[in-house]
Amino acid sequence: MLHLRLVVPSDLIDVVVEQLAATPGVVHLVRGAGSATQPDGEVVLCDVARESANEVIERLQDHGVHRRGAIVVEAVEMVVSEQPQRRKRVRPVRAVTRSCGSNSRRAPATRPP
């Protein structure tokens, strides 16, 4: 799993967010309206399955996000969320058991392959 932090120019924000939302393997999509000041634009955060990353980054570059804004990619060691399982190209790797007093529960987790 990779974490993307994007600075997207305001005139591209709608198309970029729509494409990210429609791409299998993209989860935890966050849009911060008017949140970037240098360069001007909006901050978009999302997590991307490694097997979807090339496609996502190429689309962002096709729109010129890297020229007029920024694309920052960080490796994610672990994600504790059921969302990646709901996207087609993200597979759970293992379950993490967390103990809360006398109640234990299992939370699905994913990690980079």
Foldseek 3Di string as FASTA:
>chain_A
DKKKKFFAAAVCVVVLLVVLVPDFFKDPWDWAAQPDVVPTGIIIIIGGAPVCVVVSVVVCVVVVRVPRINIDMDFDAKDFDCVNVVGDPRDFDDWDWDDDDPDIDITTMHGHD
